[in-house]
């Protein structure tokens, strides 16, 4: 059943694409769609998980429908030093933000004007502001300037998934 023209990398990419599209599908469904053996799909999936090519699987949640708001924090930091890395890793491993009702969605170390981007949700603006203030205190010695807190009005694509209510973007259109 497996196509002989597919190289190892191509098979892996096809399976990865299928998992990105819908990780809840069975290995049998993915195998049928890709014209592969179920065992091949299962084995390749396990290999990718073992290599941490796949970290895990997630649900894309509409935070607004859970009475939560989404925010971004953009931070300019001094060069990465060991003590800063230890703080960051410890806070994430101990899920420190969750203790304050903050749901971390994404944390990126980036290149460009900013060094860090954090996307999170909170039930209230005051909760988000407290988290933001905590970041300012915890990273005080490492900040180059005051971080920026941004409210997210509308998400069009999250985790590679198009918002099923994308047409609600038109609700933000102003008419003269």
Protein backbone atom coordinates (compact mmCIF):
# COMPACT_ATOMS: atom_id res chain seq x y z
CA UNK A 1 0.00 0.00 0.00
CA UNK A 2 2.84 2.49 0.78
CA UNK A 3 3.97 4.31 -2.32
CA UNK A 4 7.55 3.42 -3.18
CA UNK A 5 8.15 6.86 -4.69
CA UNK A 6 7.76 8.48 -1.27
CA UNK A 7 11.07 8.94 0.49
CA UNK A 8 11.38 8.77 4.27
CA UNK A 9 11.25 12.57 4.59
CA UNK A 10 8.28 12.89 2.22
CA UNK A 11 6.31 10.25 4.17
CA UNK A 12 7.15 12.03 7.40
CA UNK A 13 6.05 15.38 5.92
CA UNK A 14 2.77 13.91 4.65
CA UNK A 15 2.01 12.42 8.08
CA UNK A 16 3.00 15.68 9.79
CA UNK A 17 0.66 17.63 7.50
CA UNK A 18 -2.19 15.24 8.26
CA UNK A 19 -1.58 15.56 12.00
CA UNK A 20 -1.42 19.35 11.77
CA UNK A 21 -4.71 19.36 9.89
CA UNK A 22 -6.47 17.19 12.50
CA UNK A 23 -4.54 15.29 15.19
CA UNK A 24 -7.74 13.66 16.47
CA UNK A 25 -8.10 11.41 13.43
CA UNK A 26 -7.22 7.77 13.82
CA UNK A 27 -4.05 6.29 12.33
CA UNK A 28 -6.32 4.22 10.10
CA UNK A 29 -7.98 7.34 8.66
CA UNK A 30 -4.65 9.06 8.07
CA UNK A 31 -3.18 5.93 6.48
CA UNK A 32 -6.20 5.59 4.17
CA UNK A 33 -5.95 9.26 3.14
CA UNK A 34 -2.20 9.02 2.46
CA UNK A 35 -2.31 5.57 0.88
CA UNK A 36 0.03 4.17 3.57
CA UNK A 37 -0.12 1.26 5.96
CA UNK A 38 -1.58 2.08 9.38
CA UNK A 39 1.53 0.61 11.04
CA UNK A 40 3.74 2.91 8.95
CA UNK A 41 1.77 5.96 10.05
CA UNK A 42 1.82 4.85 13.70
CA UNK A 43 5.59 4.11 13.61
CA UNK A 44 6.48 7.42 11.91
CA UNK A 45 4.27 9.32 14.37
CA UNK A 46 6.03 7.64 17.31
CA UNK A 47 9.45 8.40 15.77
CA UNK A 48 8.54 12.08 15.36
CA UNK A 49 7.29 12.22 18.95
CA UNK A 50 10.45 10.47 20.17
CA UNK A 51 12.64 13.06 18.41
CA UNK A 52 10.50 15.89 19.87
CA UNK A 53 9.62 16.89 16.33
CA UNK A 54 6.07 16.73 17.71
CA UNK A 55 5.89 18.17 21.24
CA UNK A 56 2.25 17.37 21.81
CA UNK A 57 -1.27 17.96 20.61
CA UNK A 58 -3.54 20.80 21.53
CA UNK A 59 -7.03 22.15 21.18
CA UNK A 60 -7.46 25.60 19.70
CA UNK A 61 -9.68 27.40 22.19
CA UNK A 62 -11.78 30.51 21.63
CA UNK A 63 -10.77 32.32 24.80
CA UNK A 64 -13.57 34.89 24.37
CA UNK A 65 -16.21 32.17 24.57
CA UNK A 66 -14.73 31.19 27.92
CA UNK A 67 -15.05 34.77 29.16
CA UNK A 68 -11.32 35.34 28.81
CA UNK A 69 -9.39 37.94 26.85
CA UNK A 70 -6.18 37.45 24.92
CA UNK A 71 -3.12 39.66 25.36
CA UNK A 72 0.42 39.99 24.07
CA UNK A 73 3.46 41.21 25.96
CA UNK A 74 6.42 42.38 23.92
CA UNK A 75 9.73 42.69 25.77
CA UNK A 76 13.17 44.07 24.89
CA UNK A 77 15.76 42.31 26.99
CA UNK A 78 19.48 42.41 27.61
CA UNK A 79 21.49 39.54 26.07
CA UNK A 80 20.54 36.12 27.45
CA UNK A 81 22.53 35.24 30.54
CA UNK A 82 22.29 32.05 32.58
CA UNK A 83 20.41 33.67 35.48
CA UNK A 84 17.76 35.01 33.12
CA UNK A 85 17.38 31.62 31.41
CA UNK A 86 16.99 29.98 34.84
CA UNK A 87 14.19 32.38 35.80
CA UNK A 88 12.34 31.85 32.52
CA UNK A 89 12.65 28.05 32.56
CA UNK A 90 11.66 27.78 36.23
CA UNK A 91 8.58 30.01 35.80
CA UNK A 92 7.39 27.97 32.83
CA UNK A 93 8.16 24.55 34.35
CA UNK A 94 6.33 25.43 37.58
CA UNK A 95 3.49 27.00 35.58
CA UNK A 96 3.78 30.15 37.69
CA UNK A 97 1.33 32.21 35.58
CA UNK A 98 -1.49 29.67 36.08
CA UNK A 99 -1.36 30.37 39.81
CA UNK A 100 -2.60 33.87 38.94
CA UNK A 101 -5.31 32.61 36.52
CA UNK A 102 -3.13 33.35 33.49
CA UNK A 103 -3.23 30.83 30.65
CA UNK A 104 0.03 30.94 28.70
CA UNK A 105 -0.69 30.28 25.04
CA UNK A 106 2.68 31.02 23.41
CA UNK A 107 6.07 32.23 24.63
CA UNK A 108 8.59 33.06 21.94
CA UNK A 109 12.19 34.21 22.07
CA UNK A 110 12.43 36.17 18.82
CA UNK A 111 14.80 38.28 16.70
CA UNK A 112 13.82 41.78 15.67
CA UNK A 113 12.76 44.85 17.55
CA UNK A 114 11.64 42.75 20.52
CA UNK A 115 13.32 39.76 22.12
CA UNK A 116 10.32 38.06 23.73
CA UNK A 117 6.67 37.73 22.80
CA UNK A 118 4.18 36.23 25.21
CA UNK A 119 0.59 35.45 24.22
CA UNK A 120 -1.70 34.71 27.14
CA UNK A 121 -5.29 34.89 28.24
CA UNK A 122 -6.81 36.25 31.41
CA UNK A 123 -10.36 36.57 32.71
CA UNK A 124 -10.06 40.33 33.34
CA UNK A 125 -7.94 43.28 32.30
CA UNK A 126 -6.89 43.66 35.93
CA UNK A 127 -5.61 40.06 35.98
CA UNK A 128 -3.65 40.69 32.78
CA UNK A 129 -2.25 43.92 34.22
CA UNK A 130 -1.11 42.14 37.40
CA UNK A 131 0.66 39.50 35.30
CA UNK A 132 2.29 42.24 33.21
CA UNK A 133 3.44 44.03 36.37
CA UNK A 134 4.81 40.73 37.72
CA UNK A 135 6.87 40.31 34.54
CA UNK A 136 8.24 43.83 34.95
CA UNK A 137 9.32 43.03 38.52
CA UNK A 138 10.67 39.51 37.89
CA UNK A 139 12.73 40.58 34.86
CA UNK A 140 13.59 44.11 36.06
CA UNK A 141 17.37 43.53 35.89
CA UNK A 142 17.11 42.04 32.41
CA UNK A 143 14.79 44.53 30.69
CA UNK A 144 16.14 47.14 28.31
CA UNK A 145 12.89 49.10 28.44
CA UNK A 146 9.35 48.88 29.73
CA UNK A 147 7.46 45.96 28.11
CA UNK A 148 4.39 46.60 25.98
CA UNK A 149 1.02 45.08 26.86
CA UNK A 150 -1.37 44.67 23.92
CA UNK A 151 -5.02 43.57 23.90
CA UNK A 152 -5.86 41.18 21.07
CA UNK A 153 -9.15 42.16 19.45
CA UNK A 154 -9.63 39.29 17.03
CA UNK A 155 -7.70 36.16 16.07
CA UNK A 156 -7.92 35.09 12.44
CA UNK A 157 -5.55 32.09 12.61
CA UNK A 158 -4.32 30.28 15.73
CA UNK A 159 -2.13 27.18 15.86
CA UNK A 160 -2.38 27.08 12.07
CA UNK A 161 -6.18 26.82 12.25
CA UNK A 162 -8.43 29.39 10.62
CA UNK A 163 -10.98 30.86 13.00
CA UNK A 164 -14.30 29.21 12.03
CA UNK A 165 -15.96 32.57 12.74
CA UNK A 166 -13.51 34.59 10.63
CA UNK A 167 -16.38 36.52 9.04
CA UNK A 168 -16.87 38.25 12.41
CA UNK A 169 -13.89 40.39 11.39
CA UNK A 170 -16.49 42.44 9.49
CA UNK A 171 -18.01 43.35 12.86
CA UNK A 172 -14.92 45.51 13.40
CA UNK A 173 -15.46 47.49 10.20
CA UNK A 174 -16.40 51.08 10.83
CA UNK A 175 -18.82 52.79 8.53
CA UNK A 176 -18.62 56.54 7.97
